[in-house]
Amino acid sequence: MKRSLLLLVSIFALLSCTKTEEEPDRVVQIKVSKDGYNPDKISLERGEVVLFKITALDDGISAGYGDDNVGHCFYIMPPYDVMVKNIKKGQTKEIKVKMVYPGDFLYTCPYCSGIFPTKGEIHVR
């Protein structure tokens, strides 16, 4: 019984892991500014490992909001729940994600979303 439970938990943990160090199948370049993300719609295949390269074109949120929240960020909402923080003007940051869940998923900048139109959608087939 304990072995079965441990096996199920291990399988769930393995399947639910989306941030990865695997080699990417695709690279997606994203530009972010106070005007939003470009592109703001991305279509991907389930099972693909995607390297997102996010470049900030402007300053985003200033240091007046606290040191933890400067520039822009890139956050894919749950169930992916992965984020790149503090992307400053002219800087490019990267994150690799395995697209294991099919459907439509919002990506946004939690710092800016109430101030600027920074959101986009990922469709996983």
Protein backbone atom coordinates (compact mmCIF):
# COMPACT_ATOMS: atom_id res chain seq x y z
CA MET A 1 0.00 0.00 0.00
CA LYS A 2 2.76 2.46 0.96
CA ARG A 3 4.73 1.57 -2.19
CA SER A 4 1.68 2.21 -4.38
CA LEU A 5 1.07 5.57 -2.75
CA LEU A 6 4.72 6.56 -3.10
CA LEU A 7 4.67 5.51 -6.76
CA LEU A 8 1.53 7.57 -7.45
CA VAL A 9 2.99 10.63 -5.72
CA SER A 10 6.23 10.25 -7.68
CA ILE A 11 4.40 9.96 -11.00
CA PHE A 12 2.25 13.01 -10.20
CA ALA A 13 5.31 15.06 -9.24
CA LEU A 14 7.10 14.04 -12.43
CA LEU A 15 4.13 14.82 -14.69
CA SER A 16 3.25 18.11 -13.02
CA CYS A 17 6.76 19.56 -13.27
CA THR A 18 6.72 22.25 -15.96
CA LYS A 19 9.96 24.18 -15.41
CA THR A 20 12.70 22.07 -16.94
CA GLU A 21 16.35 21.86 -17.88
CA GLU A 22 15.60 19.77 -20.99
CA GLU A 23 16.77 20.96 -24.41
CA PRO A 24 14.13 23.21 -25.98
CA ASP A 25 12.06 22.12 -28.98
CA ARG A 26 11.23 25.74 -29.73
CA VAL A 27 12.39 29.25 -28.83
CA VAL A 28 9.77 31.99 -28.38
CA GLN A 29 11.00 35.59 -28.32
CA ILE A 30 8.72 37.95 -26.37
CA LYS A 31 9.06 41.73 -26.06
CA VAL A 32 7.37 43.39 -23.08
CA SER A 33 6.66 47.07 -22.55
CA LYS A 34 4.06 49.29 -20.92
CA ASP A 35 2.03 48.69 -24.11
CA GLY A 36 1.91 44.93 -23.44
CA TYR A 37 3.52 41.78 -24.77
CA ASN A 38 4.50 41.11 -28.37
CA PRO A 39 3.37 38.56 -29.34
CA ASP A 40 0.33 38.45 -27.11
CA LYS A 41 -0.94 35.15 -28.55
CA ILE A 42 1.24 32.03 -28.75
CA SER A 43 0.25 28.56 -30.02
CA LEU A 44 2.27 25.56 -28.84
CA GLU A 45 2.08 21.77 -28.91
CA ARG A 46 1.52 19.70 -25.81
CA GLY A 47 4.78 18.07 -24.71
CA GLU A 48 7.02 20.72 -26.29
CA VAL A 49 9.85 22.17 -24.26
CA VAL A 50 9.81 25.90 -24.93
CA LEU A 51 12.56 28.39 -24.20
CA PHE A 52 10.88 31.74 -23.59
CA LYS A 53 13.22 34.72 -24.08
CA ILE A 54 11.62 37.84 -22.62
CA THR A 55 13.08 41.28 -23.38
CA ALA A 56 11.96 44.49 -21.65
CA LEU A 57 11.69 47.46 -24.00
CA ASP A 58 11.06 50.04 -21.27
CA ASP A 59 11.37 50.56 -17.51
CA GLY A 60 8.05 49.02 -16.48
CA ILE A 61 7.42 49.51 -12.78
CA SER A 62 9.91 51.75 -11.00
CA ALA A 63 11.75 51.02 -7.77
CA GLY A 64 9.08 52.98 -5.88
CA TYR A 65 7.09 49.73 -5.70
CA GLY A 66 9.86 47.96 -3.77
CA ASP A 67 13.09 46.25 -4.78
CA ASP A 68 11.31 42.95 -5.43
CA ASN A 69 9.07 44.52 -8.08
CA VAL A 70 11.04 46.49 -10.66
CA GLY A 71 10.94 46.39 -14.43
CA HIS A 72 8.65 43.76 -15.92
CA CYS A 73 8.02 40.08 -15.34
CA PHE A 74 6.60 37.14 -17.26
CA TYR A 75 4.21 34.92 -15.33
CA ILE A 76 2.33 31.95 -16.81
CA MET A 77 -0.70 31.40 -14.61
CA PRO A 78 -1.46 28.04 -12.95
CA PRO A 79 -1.30 25.19 -13.51
CA TYR A 80 2.06 26.22 -15.05
CA ASP A 81 2.81 28.77 -12.31
CA VAL A 82 6.25 29.86 -13.57
CA MET A 83 7.64 33.37 -13.39
CA VAL A 84 10.63 35.42 -14.49
CA LYS A 85 10.97 38.55 -12.33
CA ASN A 86 12.63 41.94 -12.55
CA ILE A 87 13.33 42.21 -16.28
CA LYS A 88 14.83 45.67 -16.65
CA LYS A 89 14.93 47.84 -19.78
CA GLY A 90 17.18 46.30 -22.43
CA GLN A 91 17.55 43.05 -20.47
CA THR A 92 16.54 39.62 -21.73
CA LYS A 93 15.75 36.80 -19.31
CA GLU A 94 14.96 33.18 -20.15
CA ILE A 95 12.90 30.32 -18.79
CA LYS A 96 12.33 26.81 -20.15
CA VAL A 97 8.89 25.30 -19.72
CA LYS A 98 7.54 21.91 -20.70
CA MET A 99 4.02 22.44 -22.00
CA VAL A 100 2.32 19.47 -20.34
CA TYR A 101 -1.21 20.86 -19.94
CA PRO A 102 -3.47 21.41 -22.97
CA GLY A 103 -5.76 24.45 -23.09
CA ASP A 104 -5.57 28.24 -22.97
CA PHE A 105 -3.39 29.91 -20.36
CA LEU A 106 -2.90 33.55 -19.46
CA TYR A 107 0.53 35.07 -19.10
CA THR A 108 0.88 38.43 -17.44
CA CYS A 109 3.03 40.77 -15.39
CA PRO A 110 1.58 40.83 -11.87
CA TYR A 111 3.49 44.07 -11.20
CA CYS A 112 1.95 45.92 -14.13
CA SER A 113 -1.36 44.21 -14.85
CA GLY A 114 -3.42 46.76 -12.90
CA ILE A 115 -1.56 49.68 -14.51
CA PHE A 116 -0.54 48.61 -18.03
CA PRO A 117 -2.18 46.17 -20.50
CA THR A 118 0.45 43.47 -19.98
CA LYS A 119 -1.18 40.13 -20.66
CA GLY A 120 -1.18 37.47 -23.33
CA GLU A 121 -2.46 34.00 -24.01
CA ILE A 122 -0.78 30.67 -24.69
CA HIS A 123 -2.79 28.01 -26.49
CA VAL A 124 -1.46 24.48 -25.99
CA ARG A 125 -2.86 21.91 -28.46
